[in-house]
Amino acid sequence: MQDIMGSRRFTPPDEMSRVRDYILRRYKSRCSVRLERDALIVSVPNSAVAGTLRLEQQNLIDACGLKKRLVIRIGH
């Protein structure tokens, strides 16, 4: 198993970097993005950013071309 998996390079999906760049560019806030099954989990540092993202969630989905479900959480 180690021989098979050891040679593979795992690169994160482009969706993750697009979401991270979008939030940094538009809201000037850092975030962490991780992939869990069929969802992108976005963690932001405070509730103000999280609330704004929830209000504009559809704009974020459209701008980044997301196919997976988007979950917004507070805290890193």
PDB file of N, CA and C in Angstrom:
ATOM      1  N   MET A   1       0.820  -1.185   0.000  1.00  0.00           N
ATOM      2  CA  MET A   1       0.000   0.000   0.000  1.00  0.00           C
ATOM      3  C   MET A   1       0.871   1.258   0.000  1.00  0.00           C
ATOM      4  N   GLN A   2       1.933   1.235   0.796  1.00  0.00           N
ATOM      5  CA  GLN A   2       2.833   2.383   0.857  1.00  0.00           C
ATOM      6  C   GLN A   2       3.471   2.652  -0.499  1.00  0.00           C
ATOM      7  N   ASP A   3       3.800   1.601  -1.237  1.00  0.00           N
ATOM      8  CA  ASP A   3       4.405   1.775  -2.552  1.00  0.00           C
ATOM      9  C   ASP A   3       3.441   2.445  -3.519  1.00  0.00           C
ATOM     10  N   ILE A   4       2.197   2.088  -3.441  1.00  0.00           N
ATOM     11  CA  ILE A   4       1.185   2.657  -4.343  1.00  0.00           C
ATOM     12  C   ILE A   4       0.885   4.102  -3.972  1.00  0.00           C
ATOM     13  N   MET A   5       0.574   4.337  -2.709  1.00  0.00           N
ATOM     14  CA  MET A   5       0.162   5.669  -2.269  1.00  0.00           C
ATOM     15  C   MET A   5       1.341   6.619  -2.080  1.00  0.00           C
ATOM     16  N   GLY A   6       2.522   6.099  -1.834  1.00  0.00           N
ATOM     17  CA  GLY A   6       3.682   6.936  -1.594  1.00  0.00           C
ATOM     18  C   GLY A   6       4.118   7.732  -2.812  1.00  0.00           C
ATOM     19  N   SER A   7       3.856   7.231  -3.995  1.00  0.00           N
ATOM     20  CA  SER A   7       4.308   7.911  -5.198  1.00  0.00           C
ATOM     21  C   SER A   7       3.281   8.912  -5.730  1.00  0.00           C
ATOM     22  N   ARG A   8       2.091   8.905  -5.193  1.00  0.00           N
ATOM     23  CA  ARG A   8       1.050   9.832  -5.660  1.00  0.00           C
ATOM     24  C   ARG A   8       1.223  11.209  -5.042  1.00  0.00           C
ATOM     25  N   ARG A   9       0.973  12.210  -5.817  1.00  0.00           N
ATOM     26  CA  ARG A   9       0.989  13.588  -5.336  1.00  0.00           C
ATOM     27  C   ARG A   9      -0.457  14.050  -5.231  1.00  0.00           C
ATOM     28  N   PHE A  10      -0.854  14.400  -4.026  1.00  0.00           N
ATOM     29  CA  PHE A  10      -2.221  14.853  -3.813  1.00  0.00           C
ATOM     30  C   PHE A  10      -2.254  16.374  -3.868  1.00  0.00           C
ATOM     31  N   THR A  11      -2.989  16.904  -4.816  1.00  0.00           N
ATOM     32  CA  THR A  11      -3.131  18.345  -4.937  1.00  0.00           C
ATOM     33  C   THR A  11      -4.557  18.718  -4.581  1.00  0.00           C
ATOM     34  N   PRO A  12      -4.745  19.797  -3.838  1.00  0.00           N
ATOM     35  CA  PRO A  12      -6.096  20.200  -3.475  1.00  0.00           C
ATOM     36  C   PRO A  12      -6.871  20.651  -4.709  1.00  0.00           C
ATOM     37  N   PRO A  13      -8.186  20.493  -4.695  1.00  0.00           N
ATOM     38  CA  PRO A  13      -8.993  20.946  -5.834  1.00  0.00           C
ATOM     39  C   PRO A  13      -8.878  22.454  -6.041  1.00  0.00           C
ATOM     40  N   ASP A  14      -9.048  22.889  -7.272  1.00  0.00           N
ATOM     41  CA  ASP A  14      -8.981  24.316  -7.591  1.00  0.00           C
ATOM     42  C   ASP A  14     -10.034  25.108  -6.841  1.00  0.00           C
ATOM     43  N   GLU A  15     -11.158  24.473  -6.515  1.00  0.00           N
ATOM     44  CA  GLU A  15     -12.239  25.161  -5.801  1.00  0.00           C
ATOM     45  C   GLU A  15     -11.739  25.720  -4.479  1.00  0.00           C
ATOM     46  N   MET A  16     -10.879  24.992  -3.819  1.00  0.00           N
ATOM     47  CA  MET A  16     -10.380  25.440  -2.517  1.00  0.00           C
ATOM     48  C   MET A  16      -9.576  26.730  -2.638  1.00  0.00           C
ATOM     49  N   SER A  17      -8.694  26.794  -3.591  1.00  0.00           N
ATOM     50  CA  SER A  17      -7.885  28.007  -3.765  1.00  0.00           C
ATOM     51  C   SER A  17      -8.735  29.164  -4.284  1.00  0.00           C
ATOM     52  N   ARG A  18      -9.732  28.875  -5.121  1.00  0.00           N
ATOM     53  CA  ARG A  18     -10.612  29.947  -5.603  1.00  0.00           C
ATOM     54  C   ARG A  18     -11.405  30.570  -4.463  1.00  0.00           C
ATOM     55  N   VAL A  19     -11.930  29.745  -3.558  1.00  0.00           N
ATOM     56  CA  VAL A  19     -12.681  30.248  -2.405  1.00  0.00           C
ATOM     57  C   VAL A  19     -11.769  31.069  -1.505  1.00  0.00           C
ATOM     58  N   ARG A  20     -10.576  30.554  -1.213  1.00  0.00           N
ATOM     59  CA  ARG A  20      -9.621  31.250  -0.350  1.00  0.00           C
ATOM     60  C   ARG A  20      -9.248  32.609  -0.951  1.00  0.00           C
ATOM     61  N   ASP A  21      -8.966  32.649  -2.256  1.00  0.00           N
ATOM     62  CA  ASP A  21      -8.597  33.899  -2.921  1.00  0.00           C
ATOM     63  C   ASP A  21      -9.765  34.879  -2.960  1.00  0.00           C
ATOM     64  N   TYR A  22     -10.966  34.376  -3.202  1.00  0.00           N
ATOM     65  CA  TYR A  22     -12.162  35.226  -3.261  1.00  0.00           C
ATOM     66  C   TYR A  22     -12.398  35.930  -1.928  1.00  0.00           C
ATOM     67  N   ILE A  23     -12.323  35.174  -0.833  1.00  0.00           N
ATOM     68  CA  ILE A  23     -12.565  35.753   0.490  1.00  0.00           C
ATOM     69  C   ILE A  23     -11.460  36.734   0.854  1.00  0.00           C
ATOM     70  N   LEU A  24     -10.230  36.413   0.548  1.00  0.00           N
ATOM     71  CA  LEU A  24      -9.120  37.314   0.845  1.00  0.00           C
ATOM     72  C   LEU A  24      -9.229  38.605   0.032  1.00  0.00           C
ATOM     73  N   ARG A  25      -9.560  38.480  -1.238  1.00  0.00           N
ATOM     74  CA  ARG A  25      -9.652  39.644  -2.112  1.00  0.00           C
ATOM     75  C   ARG A  25     -10.860  40.515  -1.771  1.00  0.00           C
ATOM     76  N   ARG A  26     -12.006  39.908  -1.560  1.00  0.00           N
ATOM     77  CA  ARG A  26     -13.238  40.679  -1.371  1.00  0.00           C
ATOM     78  C   ARG A  26     -13.429  41.178   0.060  1.00  0.00           C
ATOM     79  N   TYR A  27     -13.090  40.359   1.055  1.00  0.00           N
ATOM     80  CA  TYR A  27     -13.356  40.712   2.450  1.00  0.00           C
ATOM     81  C   TYR A  27     -12.093  40.983   3.251  1.00  0.00           C
ATOM     82  N   LYS A  28     -10.923  40.843   2.627  1.00  0.00           N
ATOM     83  CA  LYS A  28      -9.637  41.090   3.280  1.00  0.00           C
ATOM     84  C   LYS A  28      -9.530  40.299   4.582  1.00  0.00           C
ATOM     85  N   SER A  29      -9.932  39.053   4.521  1.00  0.00           N
ATOM     86  CA  SER A  29      -9.907  38.184   5.684  1.00  0.00           C
ATOM     87  C   SER A  29      -9.321  36.830   5.302  1.00  0.00           C
ATOM     88  N   ARG A  30      -8.506  36.300   6.153  1.00  0.00           N
ATOM     89  CA  ARG A  30      -7.947  34.969   5.931  1.00  0.00           C
ATOM     90  C   ARG A  30      -8.965  33.919   6.328  1.00  0.00           C
ATOM     91  N   CYS A  31      -8.869  32.766   5.694  1.00  0.00           N
ATOM     92  CA  CYS A  31      -9.775  31.668   6.008  1.00  0.00           C
ATOM     93  C   CYS A  31      -9.044  30.357   5.759  1.00  0.00           C
ATOM     94  N   SER A  32      -9.603  29.300   6.285  1.00  0.00           N
ATOM     95  CA  SER A  32      -9.084  27.977   5.966  1.00  0.00           C
ATOM     96  C   SER A  32     -10.196  27.207   5.272  1.00  0.00           C
ATOM     97  N   VAL A  33      -9.815  26.451   4.277  1.00  0.00           N
ATOM     98  CA  VAL A  33     -10.781  25.683   3.486  1.00  0.00           C
ATOM     99  C   VAL A  33     -10.330  24.232   3.483  1.00  0.00           C
ATOM    100  N   ARG A  34     -11.256  23.347   3.792  1.00  0.00           N
ATOM    101  CA  ARG A  34     -10.932  21.926   3.722  1.00  0.00           C
ATOM    102  C   ARG A  34     -12.074  21.183   3.058  1.00  0.00           C
ATOM    103  N   LEU A  35     -11.753  20.032   2.556  1.00  0.00           N
ATOM    104  CA  LEU A  35     -12.711  19.215   1.821  1.00  0.00           C
ATOM    105  C   LEU A  35     -13.093  18.018   2.675  1.00  0.00           C
ATOM    106  N   GLU A  36     -14.386  17.835   2.879  1.00  0.00           N
ATOM    107  CA  GLU A  36     -14.905  16.675   3.599  1.00  0.00           C
ATOM    108  C   GLU A  36     -16.026  16.085   2.772  1.00  0.00           C
ATOM    109  N   ARG A  37     -15.810  14.897   2.277  1.00  0.00           N
ATOM    110  CA  ARG A  37     -16.772  14.187   1.436  1.00  0.00           C
ATOM    111  C   ARG A  37     -17.292  15.069   0.319  1.00  0.00           C
ATOM    112  N   ASP A  38     -18.531  15.509   0.388  1.00  0.00           N
ATOM    113  CA  ASP A  38     -19.126  16.312  -0.689  1.00  0.00           C
ATOM    114  C   ASP A  38     -19.284  17.774  -0.310  1.00  0.00           C
ATOM    115  N   ALA A  39     -18.519  18.265   0.644  1.00  0.00           N
ATOM    116  CA  ALA A  39     -18.683  19.640   1.109  1.00  0.00           C
ATOM    117  C   ALA A  39     -17.340  20.330   1.262  1.00  0.00           C
ATOM    118  N   LEU A  40     -17.344  21.620   0.994  1.00  0.00           N
ATOM    119  CA  LEU A  40     -16.205  22.477   1.283  1.00  0.00           C
ATOM    120  C   LEU A  40     -16.502  23.172   2.607  1.00  0.00           C
ATOM    121  N   ILE A  41     -15.619  23.008   3.577  1.00  0.00           N
ATOM    122  CA  ILE A  41     -15.781  23.620   4.887  1.00  0.00           C
ATOM    123  C   ILE A  41     -14.885  24.849   4.933  1.00  0.00           C
ATOM    124  N   VAL A  42     -15.490  26.029   5.082  1.00  0.00           N
ATOM    125  CA  VAL A  42     -14.756  27.287   5.137  1.00  0.00           C
ATOM    126  C   VAL A  42     -14.824  27.791   6.571  1.00  0.00           C
ATOM    127  N   SER A  43     -13.672  27.981   7.192  1.00  0.00           N
ATOM    128  CA  SER A  43     -13.603  28.515   8.551  1.00  0.00           C
ATOM    129  C   SER A  43     -13.034  29.918   8.491  1.00  0.00           C
ATOM    130  N   VAL A  44     -13.775  30.860   9.064  1.00  0.00           N
ATOM    131  CA  VAL A  44     -13.357  32.264   9.086  1.00  0.00           C
ATOM    132  C   VAL A  44     -13.145  32.685  10.533  1.00  0.00           C
ATOM    133  N   PRO A  45     -12.339  33.741  10.769  1.00  0.00           N
ATOM    134  CA  PRO A  45     -11.939  34.076  12.132  1.00  0.00           C
ATOM    135  C   PRO A  45     -13.021  34.683  13.026  1.00  0.00           C
ATOM    136  N   ASN A  46     -14.047  35.309  12.458  1.00  0.00           N
ATOM    137  CA  ASN A  46     -15.040  35.949  13.329  1.00  0.00           C
ATOM    138  C   ASN A  46     -16.446  35.872  12.737  1.00  0.00           C
ATOM    139  N   SER A  47     -17.416  36.199  13.572  1.00  0.00           N
ATOM    140  CA  SER A  47     -18.809  36.072  13.169  1.00  0.00           C
ATOM    141  C   SER A  47     -19.240  37.130  12.149  1.00  0.00           C
ATOM    142  N   ALA A  48     -18.571  38.264  12.125  1.00  0.00           N
ATOM    143  CA  ALA A  48     -18.927  39.301  11.158  1.00  0.00           C
ATOM    144  C   ALA A  48     -18.679  38.811   9.730  1.00  0.00           C
ATOM    145  N   VAL A  49     -17.534  38.218   9.513  1.00  0.00           N
ATOM    146  CA  VAL A  49     -17.214  37.687   8.182  1.00  0.00           C
ATOM    147  C   VAL A  49     -18.129  36.512   7.853  1.00  0.00           C
ATOM    148  N   ALA A  50     -18.370  35.644   8.821  1.00  0.00           N
ATOM    149  CA  ALA A  50     -19.232  34.492   8.594  1.00  0.00           C
ATOM    150  C   ALA A  50     -20.654  34.932   8.228  1.00  0.00           C
ATOM    151  N   GLY A  51     -21.180  35.915   8.921  1.00  0.00           N
ATOM    152  CA  GLY A  51     -22.519  36.417   8.624  1.00  0.00           C
ATOM    153  C   GLY A  51     -22.608  37.018   7.233  1.00  0.00           C
ATOM    154  N   THR A  52     -21.597  37.778   6.854  1.00  0.00           N
ATOM    155  CA  THR A  52     -21.568  38.375   5.521  1.00  0.00           C
ATOM    156  C   THR A  52     -21.484  37.300   4.450  1.00  0.00           C
ATOM    157  N   LEU A  53     -20.657  36.294   4.692  1.00  0.00           N
ATOM    158  CA  LEU A  53     -20.537  35.200   3.718  1.00  0.00           C
ATOM    159  C   LEU A  53     -21.843  34.428   3.576  1.00  0.00           C
ATOM    160  N   ARG A  54     -22.541  34.236   4.684  1.00  0.00           N
ATOM    161  CA  ARG A  54     -23.811  33.515   4.616  1.00  0.00           C
ATOM    162  C   ARG A  54     -24.845  34.300   3.822  1.00  0.00           C
ATOM    163  N   LEU A  55     -24.830  35.629   3.975  1.00  0.00           N
ATOM    164  CA  LEU A  55     -25.762  36.458   3.207  1.00  0.00           C
ATOM    165  C   LEU A  55     -25.445  36.426   1.717  1.00  0.00           C
ATOM    166  N   GLU A  56     -24.177  36.338   1.378  1.00  0.00           N
ATOM    167  CA  GLU A  56     -23.754  36.359  -0.018  1.00  0.00           C
ATOM    168  C   GLU A  56     -23.248  34.996  -0.474  1.00  0.00           C
ATOM    169  N   GLN A  57     -23.754  33.947   0.115  1.00  0.00           N
ATOM    170  CA  GLN A  57     -23.287  32.595  -0.190  1.00  0.00           C
ATOM    171  C   GLN A  57     -23.498  32.231  -1.653  1.00  0.00           C
ATOM    172  N   GLN A  58     -24.627  32.582  -2.222  1.00  0.00           N
ATOM    173  CA  GLN A  58     -24.894  32.237  -3.619  1.00  0.00           C
ATOM    174  C   GLN A  58     -23.944  32.971  -4.564  1.00  0.00           C
ATOM    175  N   ASN A  59     -23.600  34.222  -4.238  1.00  0.00           N
ATOM    176  CA  ASN A  59     -22.623  34.957  -5.049  1.00  0.00           C
ATOM    177  C   ASN A  59     -21.263  34.272  -5.017  1.00  0.00           C
ATOM    178  N   LEU A  60     -20.871  33.792  -3.841  1.00  0.00           N
ATOM    179  CA  LEU A  60     -19.608  33.079  -3.696  1.00  0.00           C
ATOM    180  C   LEU A  60     -19.610  31.785  -4.501  1.00  0.00           C
ATOM    181  N   ILE A  61     -20.699  31.045  -4.438  1.00  0.00           N
ATOM    182  CA  ILE A  61     -20.821  29.794  -5.189  1.00  0.00           C
ATOM    183  C   ILE A  61     -20.723  30.053  -6.685  1.00  0.00           C
ATOM    184  N   ASP A  62     -21.429  31.074  -7.160  1.00  0.00           N
ATOM    185  CA  ASP A  62     -21.410  31.395  -8.590  1.00  0.00           C
ATOM    186  C   ASP A  62     -20.040  31.900  -9.044  1.00  0.00           C
ATOM    187  N   ALA A  63     -19.426  32.781  -8.250  1.00  0.00           N
ATOM    188  CA  ALA A  63     -18.144  33.371  -8.634  1.00  0.00           C
ATOM    189  C   ALA A  63     -17.023  32.329  -8.678  1.00  0.00           C
ATOM    190  N   CYS A  64     -17.079  31.357  -7.789  1.00  0.00           N
ATOM    191  CA  CYS A  64     -16.016  30.345  -7.717  1.00  0.00           C
ATOM    192  C   CYS A  64     -16.363  29.075  -8.477  1.00  0.00           C
ATOM    193  N   GLY A  65     -17.574  28.982  -9.001  1.00  0.00           N
ATOM    194  CA  GLY A  65     -17.974  27.809  -9.771  1.00  0.00           C
ATOM    195  C   GLY A  65     -17.999  26.539  -8.934  1.00  0.00           C
ATOM    196  N   LEU A  66     -18.543  26.629  -7.738  1.00  0.00           N
ATOM    197  CA  LEU A  66     -18.548  25.479  -6.831  1.00  0.00           C
ATOM    198  C   LEU A  66     -19.598  24.455  -7.226  1.00  0.00           C
ATOM    199  N   LYS A  67     -19.216  23.194  -7.152  1.00  0.00           N
ATOM    200  CA  LYS A  67     -20.136  22.081  -7.408  1.00  0.00           C
ATOM    201  C   LYS A  67     -20.493  21.371  -6.105  1.00  0.00           C
ATOM    202  N   LYS A  68     -19.669  21.571  -5.092  1.00  0.00           N
ATOM    203  CA  LYS A  68     -19.888  20.925  -3.810  1.00  0.00           C
ATOM    204  C   LYS A  68     -20.669  21.848  -2.877  1.00  0.00           C
ATOM    205  N   ARG A  69     -21.226  21.265  -1.840  1.00  0.00           N
ATOM    206  CA  ARG A  69     -21.968  22.035  -0.844  1.00  0.00           C
ATOM    207  C   ARG A  69     -20.976  22.903  -0.071  1.00  0.00           C
ATOM    208  N   LEU A  70     -21.391  24.109   0.306  1.00  0.00           N
ATOM    209  CA  LEU A  70     -20.533  25.054   0.997  1.00  0.00           C
ATOM    210  C   LEU A  70     -21.026  25.199   2.431  1.00  0.00           C
ATOM    211  N   VAL A  71     -20.111  24.989   3.397  1.00  0.00           N
ATOM    212  CA  VAL A  71     -20.428  25.129   4.810  1.00  0.00           C
ATOM    213  C   VAL A  71     -19.509  26.198   5.373  1.00  0.00           C
ATOM    214  N   ILE A  72     -20.080  27.187   6.073  1.00  0.00           N
ATOM    215  CA  ILE A  72     -19.311  28.283   6.622  1.00  0.00           C
ATOM    216  C   ILE A  72     -19.300  28.146   8.149  1.00  0.00           C
ATOM    217  N   ARG A  73     -18.098  28.160   8.728  1.00  0.00           N
ATOM    218  CA  ARG A  73     -17.941  28.017  10.174  1.00  0.00           C
ATOM    219  C   ARG A  73     -17.110  29.165  10.736  1.00  0.00           C
ATOM    220  N   ILE A  74     -17.308  29.416  12.020  1.00  0.00           N
ATOM    221  CA  ILE A  74     -16.549  30.460  12.717  1.00  0.00           C
ATOM    222  C   ILE A  74     -15.414  29.804  13.483  1.00  0.00           C
ATOM    223  N   GLY A  75     -14.231  30.391  13.398  1.00  0.00           N
ATOM    224  CA  GLY A  75     -13.068  29.885  14.123  1.00  0.00           C
ATOM    225  C   GLY A  75     -12.159  29.076  13.228  1.00  0.00           C
ATOM    226  N   HIS A  76     -10.901  29.082  13.553  1.00  0.00           N
ATOM    227  CA  HIS A  76      -9.920  28.333  12.750  1.00  0.00           C
ATOM    228  C   HIS A  76      -9.678  27.030  13.368  1.00  0.00           C
TER     229      HIS A  76
END
